[in-house]
Amino acid sequence: METHSFKAAYETGMAKISVMLGVYLFKEDNVFITYCPALDLSGYGYDEREAKLSFAEVMRQYLDYCLHKHTLVKDLQRLGWNIKSMKQRKIKSPDVVTLLKRNPAFKDIMEHKDYAKYTEQLTIPELA
């Protein structure tokens, strides 16, 4: 598989918080799938580039929706994120062990798929 990196940034003019996320790319039934278990979001395409672009659009829509509805913190906590204070930048995505316990789809990827993993930075608004 080709190596591509994934970068995400959400710009609103506010201060931002950056977190590191694991993004997994694998092929299933001739379709490339990009999956981020920490956000339970995925994208797909007929090649790696399309899958990455699809994932970037899904993430943009997810952040837009959560910020518009003021539900980002609640949704991240539902996904297992540790958020002590957005203002003090105390936010941590779940670790792999936690994700494997909570997410059967991710466990299946890790145990049965030929995947490539990328650790990338996601930047979100501080006052989300």
N, C-alpha and C. Protein backbone atom coordinates (compact mmCIF):
# COMPACT_ATOMS: atom_id res chain seq x y z
N MET A 1 0.83 -1.19 0.00
CA MET A 1 0.00 0.00 0.00
C MET A 1 0.88 1.25 0.00
N GLU A 2 0.40 2.26 -0.71
CA GLU A 2 1.11 3.53 -0.70
C GLU A 2 1.00 4.15 0.69
N THR A 3 1.98 4.98 1.01
CA THR A 3 1.94 5.69 2.28
C THR A 3 1.44 7.10 2.04
N HIS A 4 0.33 7.43 2.66
CA HIS A 4 -0.23 8.79 2.62
C HIS A 4 -0.40 9.23 4.06
N SER A 5 -0.26 10.51 4.30
CA SER A 5 -0.52 11.00 5.65
C SER A 5 -1.86 11.69 5.65
N PHE A 6 -2.44 11.78 6.80
CA PHE A 6 -3.72 12.46 6.96
C PHE A 6 -3.51 13.64 7.88
N LYS A 7 -3.95 14.80 7.46
CA LYS A 7 -3.87 15.99 8.28
C LYS A 7 -5.27 16.55 8.44
N ALA A 8 -5.60 16.99 9.63
CA ALA A 8 -6.91 17.60 9.85
C ALA A 8 -6.73 18.87 10.66
N ALA A 9 -7.41 19.91 10.27
CA ALA A 9 -7.40 21.15 11.01
C ALA A 9 -8.77 21.79 10.85
N TYR A 10 -9.29 22.31 11.93
CA TYR A 10 -10.58 22.97 11.88
C TYR A 10 -10.35 24.40 12.30
N GLU A 11 -10.59 25.34 11.41
CA GLU A 11 -10.30 26.75 11.66
C GLU A 11 -11.60 27.51 11.92
N THR A 12 -11.67 28.22 13.04
CA THR A 12 -12.83 29.07 13.31
C THR A 12 -12.41 30.44 13.81
N GLY A 13 -11.14 30.68 13.96
CA GLY A 13 -10.68 31.93 14.51
C GLY A 13 -10.48 31.87 16.01
N MET A 14 -10.93 30.81 16.66
CA MET A 14 -10.76 30.63 18.10
C MET A 14 -9.43 29.93 18.38
N ALA A 15 -9.05 29.93 19.66
CA ALA A 15 -7.89 29.14 20.05
C ALA A 15 -8.19 27.67 19.78
N LYS A 16 -7.15 26.88 19.60
CA LYS A 16 -7.34 25.49 19.19
C LYS A 16 -6.64 24.52 20.13
N ILE A 17 -7.14 23.29 20.13
CA ILE A 17 -6.53 22.18 20.86
C ILE A 17 -6.14 21.14 19.83
N SER A 18 -4.93 20.60 19.97
CA SER A 18 -4.48 19.56 19.04
C SER A 18 -4.40 18.22 19.77
N VAL A 19 -4.88 17.18 19.11
CA VAL A 19 -4.80 15.82 19.65
C VAL A 19 -4.26 14.90 18.56
N MET A 20 -3.61 13.83 18.99
CA MET A 20 -3.08 12.85 18.05
C MET A 20 -4.08 11.70 17.92
N LEU A 21 -4.33 11.30 16.68
CA LEU A 21 -5.30 10.24 16.40
C LEU A 21 -4.69 9.15 15.55
N GLY A 22 -5.06 7.91 15.81
CA GLY A 22 -4.68 6.80 14.95
C GLY A 22 -5.71 6.67 13.84
N VAL A 23 -5.24 6.62 12.60
CA VAL A 23 -6.11 6.45 11.44
C VAL A 23 -5.65 5.18 10.73
N TYR A 24 -6.58 4.29 10.43
CA TYR A 24 -6.26 2.98 9.85
C TYR A 24 -6.81 2.91 8.43
N LEU A 25 -5.97 2.43 7.52
CA LEU A 25 -6.35 2.28 6.12
C LEU A 25 -6.26 0.81 5.74
N PHE A 26 -7.34 0.27 5.17
CA PHE A 26 -7.34 -1.12 4.75
C PHE A 26 -8.22 -1.27 3.52
N LYS A 27 -8.11 -2.41 2.88
CA LYS A 27 -8.89 -2.68 1.67
C LYS A 27 -9.84 -3.84 1.95
N GLU A 28 -11.10 -3.65 1.51
CA GLU A 28 -12.11 -4.69 1.69
C GLU A 28 -13.01 -4.69 0.46
N ASP A 29 -13.14 -5.84 -0.19
CA ASP A 29 -13.98 -5.96 -1.39
C ASP A 29 -13.64 -4.90 -2.44
N ASN A 30 -12.35 -4.73 -2.71
CA ASN A 30 -11.85 -3.78 -3.72
C ASN A 30 -12.15 -2.32 -3.41
N VAL A 31 -12.45 -2.00 -2.17
CA VAL A 31 -12.69 -0.63 -1.74
C VAL A 31 -11.71 -0.31 -0.62
N PHE A 32 -11.07 0.85 -0.68
CA PHE A 32 -10.18 1.30 0.39
C PHE A 32 -11.02 2.02 1.44
N ILE A 33 -10.76 1.69 2.69
CA ILE A 33 -11.49 2.28 3.81
C ILE A 33 -10.49 2.91 4.76
N THR A 34 -10.77 4.14 5.15
CA THR A 34 -9.97 4.85 6.15
C THR A 34 -10.85 4.98 7.39
N TYR A 35 -10.33 4.54 8.54
CA TYR A 35 -11.14 4.49 9.75
C TYR A 35 -10.38 5.06 10.93
N CYS A 36 -11.05 5.92 11.69
CA CYS A 36 -10.48 6.48 12.92
C CYS A 36 -11.34 5.98 14.09
N PRO A 37 -10.87 4.97 14.83
CA PRO A 37 -11.68 4.41 15.91
C PRO A 37 -11.94 5.39 17.06
N ALA A 38 -11.05 6.35 17.28
CA ALA A 38 -11.25 7.31 18.36
C ALA A 38 -12.45 8.22 18.11
N LEU A 39 -12.82 8.38 16.84
CA LEU A 39 -13.99 9.18 16.49
C LEU A 39 -15.10 8.32 15.88
N ASP A 40 -14.82 7.05 15.65
CA ASP A 40 -15.75 6.13 15.00
C ASP A 40 -16.26 6.70 13.68
N LEU A 41 -15.32 7.24 12.90
CA LEU A 41 -15.62 7.81 11.59
C LEU A 41 -14.82 7.09 10.53
N SER A 42 -15.40 6.99 9.33
CA SER A 42 -14.68 6.34 8.23
C SER A 42 -14.96 7.04 6.92
N GLY A 43 -14.07 6.80 5.97
CA GLY A 43 -14.24 7.26 4.60
C GLY A 43 -13.89 6.10 3.69
N TYR A 44 -14.23 6.21 2.42
CA TYR A 44 -13.93 5.12 1.51
C TYR A 44 -13.69 5.66 0.10
N GLY A 45 -13.08 4.83 -0.72
CA GLY A 45 -12.85 5.19 -2.12
C GLY A 45 -12.26 4.02 -2.87
N TYR A 46 -12.12 4.20 -4.18
CA TYR A 46 -11.57 3.14 -5.02
C TYR A 46 -10.05 3.11 -5.00
N ASP A 47 -9.43 4.12 -4.37
CA ASP A 47 -7.99 4.10 -4.13
C ASP A 47 -7.74 4.82 -2.80
N GLU A 48 -6.48 4.79 -2.35
CA GLU A 48 -6.16 5.38 -1.05
C GLU A 48 -6.47 6.87 -1.00
N ARG A 49 -6.18 7.56 -2.10
CA ARG A 49 -6.41 9.01 -2.15
C ARG A 49 -7.90 9.31 -1.97
N GLU A 50 -8.76 8.61 -2.69
CA GLU A 50 -10.20 8.82 -2.55
C GLU A 50 -10.67 8.53 -1.13
N ALA A 51 -10.15 7.48 -0.53
CA ALA A 51 -10.53 7.13 0.84
C ALA A 51 -10.13 8.24 1.81
N LYS A 52 -8.93 8.79 1.62
CA LYS A 52 -8.46 9.88 2.49
C LYS A 52 -9.33 11.13 2.31
N LEU A 53 -9.64 11.47 1.06
CA LEU A 53 -10.48 12.64 0.80
C LEU A 53 -11.88 12.46 1.38
N SER A 54 -12.42 11.27 1.23
CA SER A 54 -13.73 10.96 1.79
C SER A 54 -13.72 11.10 3.31
N PHE A 55 -12.67 10.57 3.94
CA PHE A 55 -12.55 10.66 5.39
C PHE A 55 -12.44 12.12 5.84
N ALA A 56 -11.66 12.92 5.13
CA ALA A 56 -11.52 14.33 5.48
C ALA A 56 -12.87 15.05 5.42
N GLU A 57 -13.68 14.73 4.42
CA GLU A 57 -15.00 15.34 4.30
C GLU A 57 -15.93 14.87 5.42
N VAL A 58 -15.89 13.60 5.75
CA VAL A 58 -16.71 13.08 6.86
C VAL A 58 -16.31 13.76 8.16
N MET A 59 -15.00 13.92 8.40
CA MET A 59 -14.55 14.57 9.63
C MET A 59 -14.99 16.03 9.66
N ARG A 60 -14.89 16.72 8.53
CA ARG A 60 -15.30 18.12 8.47
C ARG A 60 -16.80 18.24 8.80
N GLN A 61 -17.60 17.37 8.21
CA GLN A 61 -19.04 17.40 8.48
C GLN A 61 -19.35 17.07 9.94
N TYR A 62 -18.63 16.11 10.50
CA TYR A 62 -18.81 15.74 11.91
C TYR A 62 -18.52 16.94 12.82
N LEU A 63 -17.38 17.59 12.60
CA LEU A 63 -17.03 18.74 13.43
C LEU A 63 -18.01 19.89 13.23
N ASP A 64 -18.38 20.17 11.98
CA ASP A 64 -19.36 21.23 11.72
C ASP A 64 -20.66 20.96 12.49
N TYR A 65 -21.16 19.74 12.39
CA TYR A 65 -22.41 19.38 13.05
C TYR A 65 -22.31 19.52 14.57
N CYS A 66 -21.27 18.92 15.14
CA CYS A 66 -21.11 18.95 16.60
C CYS A 66 -20.92 20.37 17.12
N LEU A 67 -20.16 21.18 16.40
CA LEU A 67 -19.96 22.56 16.84
C LEU A 67 -21.25 23.37 16.70
N HIS A 68 -21.98 23.15 15.64
CA HIS A 68 -23.25 23.86 15.44
C HIS A 68 -24.27 23.49 16.52
N LYS A 69 -24.30 22.22 16.90
CA LYS A 69 -25.25 21.74 17.91
C LYS A 69 -24.70 21.83 19.33
N HIS A 70 -23.43 22.26 19.48
CA HIS A 70 -22.77 22.36 20.79
C HIS A 70 -22.73 21.01 21.50
N THR A 71 -22.42 19.95 20.75
CA THR A 71 -22.40 18.60 21.31
C THR A 71 -21.04 17.92 21.22
N LEU A 72 -20.00 18.64 20.81
CA LEU A 72 -18.71 18.00 20.58
C LEU A 72 -18.16 17.35 21.85
N VAL A 73 -18.14 18.06 22.95
CA VAL A 73 -17.58 17.51 24.20
C VAL A 73 -18.38 16.28 24.62
N LYS A 74 -19.70 16.37 24.59
CA LYS A 74 -20.54 15.24 24.99
C LYS A 74 -20.30 14.03 24.08
N ASP A 75 -20.17 14.27 22.78
CA ASP A 75 -19.96 13.16 21.85
C ASP A 75 -18.58 12.54 22.04
N LEU A 76 -17.56 13.36 22.24
CA LEU A 76 -16.22 12.81 22.48
C LEU A 76 -16.20 11.98 23.76
N GLN A 77 -16.87 12.45 24.80
CA GLN A 77 -16.94 11.68 26.04
C GLN A 77 -17.68 10.36 25.81
N ARG A 78 -18.72 10.37 25.00
CA ARG A 78 -19.45 9.13 24.67
C ARG A 78 -18.53 8.13 23.98
N LEU A 79 -17.57 8.64 23.22
CA LEU A 79 -16.61 7.79 22.51
C LEU A 79 -15.42 7.39 23.38
N GLY A 80 -15.42 7.78 24.65
CA GLY A 80 -14.36 7.37 25.57
C GLY A 80 -13.23 8.36 25.76
N TRP A 81 -13.39 9.58 25.25
CA TRP A 81 -12.36 10.59 25.42
C TRP A 81 -12.36 11.08 26.86
N ASN A 82 -11.17 11.41 27.38
CA ASN A 82 -11.02 11.97 28.71
C ASN A 82 -10.89 13.48 28.55
N ILE A 83 -11.91 14.20 28.96
CA ILE A 83 -11.92 15.66 28.82
C ILE A 83 -12.11 16.26 30.20
N LYS A 84 -11.03 16.80 30.74
CA LYS A 84 -11.11 17.43 32.05
C LYS A 84 -11.47 18.90 31.91
N SER A 85 -10.88 19.57 30.92
CA SER A 85 -11.17 20.98 30.70
C SER A 85 -10.73 21.37 29.29
N MET A 86 -11.68 21.77 28.47
CA MET A 86 -11.33 22.23 27.12
C MET A 86 -10.53 23.52 27.21
N LYS A 87 -10.89 24.39 28.17
CA LYS A 87 -10.21 25.68 28.27
C LYS A 87 -8.75 25.52 28.69
N GLN A 88 -8.47 24.54 29.55
CA GLN A 88 -7.10 24.30 29.99
C GLN A 88 -6.39 23.28 29.10
N ARG A 89 -7.06 22.87 28.03
CA ARG A 89 -6.50 21.95 27.05
C ARG A 89 -6.17 20.58 27.63
N LYS A 90 -7.00 20.11 28.54
CA LYS A 90 -6.82 18.78 29.13
C LYS A 90 -7.79 17.83 28.44
N ILE A 91 -7.34 17.30 27.32
CA ILE A 91 -8.17 16.42 26.51
C ILE A 91 -7.30 15.31 25.95
N LYS A 92 -7.82 14.07 26.02
CA LYS A 92 -7.03 12.92 25.55
C LYS A 92 -7.96 11.93 24.87
N SER A 93 -7.54 11.51 23.68
CA SER A 93 -8.33 10.48 22.98
C SER A 93 -8.10 9.14 23.66
N PRO A 94 -9.02 8.19 23.51
CA PRO A 94 -8.86 6.88 24.14
C PRO A 94 -7.66 6.13 23.58
N ASP A 95 -7.02 5.32 24.42
CA ASP A 95 -5.88 4.53 23.95
C ASP A 95 -6.37 3.29 23.21
N VAL A 96 -5.45 2.60 22.55
CA VAL A 96 -5.79 1.45 21.72
C VAL A 96 -6.46 0.34 22.53
N VAL A 97 -5.97 0.07 23.73
CA VAL A 97 -6.55 -1.00 24.56
C VAL A 97 -8.02 -0.70 24.86
N THR A 98 -8.31 0.53 25.22
CA THR A 98 -9.70 0.93 25.49
C THR A 98 -10.55 0.81 24.24
N LEU A 99 -10.01 1.26 23.11
CA LEU A 99 -10.76 1.18 21.86
C LEU A 99 -11.07 -0.26 21.47
N LEU A 100 -10.10 -1.15 21.67
CA LEU A 100 -10.32 -2.56 21.34
C LEU A 100 -11.42 -3.18 22.20
N LYS A 101 -11.51 -2.76 23.46
CA LYS A 101 -12.54 -3.28 24.36
C LYS A 101 -13.93 -2.75 24.00
N ARG A 102 -13.99 -1.49 23.58
CA ARG A 102 -15.28 -0.82 23.36
C ARG A 102 -15.80 -0.91 21.93
N ASN A 103 -14.94 -1.26 20.99
CA ASN A 103 -15.30 -1.13 19.58
C ASN A 103 -15.05 -2.43 18.81
N PRO A 104 -16.08 -3.25 18.62
CA PRO A 104 -15.91 -4.52 17.91
C PRO A 104 -15.42 -4.36 16.47
N ALA A 105 -15.83 -3.29 15.79
CA ALA A 105 -15.38 -3.07 14.40
C ALA A 105 -13.88 -2.83 14.36
N PHE A 106 -13.36 -2.07 15.32
CA PHE A 106 -11.92 -1.81 15.38
C PHE A 106 -11.17 -3.10 15.71
N LYS A 107 -11.71 -3.89 16.63
CA LYS A 107 -11.08 -5.16 16.98
C LYS A 107 -10.99 -6.06 15.74
N ASP A 108 -12.04 -6.08 14.93
CA ASP A 108 -12.04 -6.88 13.70
C ASP A 108 -10.96 -6.39 12.73
N ILE A 109 -10.80 -5.09 12.60
CA ILE A 109 -9.76 -4.54 11.73
C ILE A 109 -8.39 -4.99 12.21
N MET A 110 -8.15 -4.86 13.50
CA MET A 110 -6.83 -5.20 14.06
C MET A 110 -6.53 -6.69 13.93
N GLU A 111 -7.55 -7.53 14.07
CA GLU A 111 -7.33 -8.98 14.08
C GLU A 111 -7.43 -9.64 12.70
N HIS A 112 -8.17 -9.03 11.76
CA HIS A 112 -8.44 -9.73 10.51
C HIS A 112 -8.10 -8.97 9.23
N LYS A 113 -7.69 -7.74 9.32
CA LYS A 113 -7.42 -6.95 8.11
C LYS A 113 -5.93 -6.67 7.97
N ASP A 114 -5.50 -6.52 6.73
CA ASP A 114 -4.15 -6.05 6.43
C ASP A 114 -4.26 -4.53 6.36
N TYR A 115 -3.79 -3.84 7.39
CA TYR A 115 -4.00 -2.40 7.50
C TYR A 115 -2.69 -1.64 7.61
N ALA A 116 -2.76 -0.37 7.32
CA ALA A 116 -1.67 0.56 7.58
C ALA A 116 -2.19 1.58 8.58
N LYS A 117 -1.37 1.95 9.55
CA LYS A 117 -1.78 2.91 10.57
C LYS A 117 -0.98 4.19 10.42
N TYR A 118 -1.67 5.30 10.60
CA TYR A 118 -1.04 6.61 10.59
C TYR A 118 -1.45 7.32 11.87
N THR A 119 -0.51 7.95 12.52
CA THR A 119 -0.83 8.77 13.68
C THR A 119 -0.77 10.21 13.21
N GLU A 120 -1.89 10.88 13.31
CA GLU A 120 -1.98 12.24 12.80
C GLU A 120 -2.58 13.18 13.82
N GLN A 121 -2.35 14.44 13.60
CA GLN A 121 -2.81 15.48 14.50
C GLN A 121 -4.15 16.03 14.02
N LEU A 122 -5.09 16.16 14.94
CA LEU A 122 -6.38 16.79 14.67
C LEU A 122 -6.44 18.04 15.53
N THR A 123 -6.83 19.15 14.94
CA THR A 123 -6.95 20.41 15.67
C THR A 123 -8.41 20.80 15.72
N ILE A 124 -8.90 21.03 16.94
CA ILE A 124 -10.30 21.42 17.13
C ILE A 124 -10.36 22.72 17.92
N PRO A 125 -11.45 23.49 17.79
CA PRO A 125 -11.57 24.74 18.54
C PRO A 125 -11.58 24.49 20.04
N GLU A 126 -10.93 25.36 20.78
CA GLU A 126 -10.83 25.22 22.23
C GLU A 126 -12.17 25.33 22.93
N LEU A 127 -13.04 26.17 22.44
CA LEU A 127 -14.30 26.43 23.13
C LEU A 127 -15.45 25.61 22.56
N ALA A 128 -15.15 24.45 22.02
CA ALA A 128 -16.20 23.63 21.39
C ALA A 128 -17.23 23.18 22.40
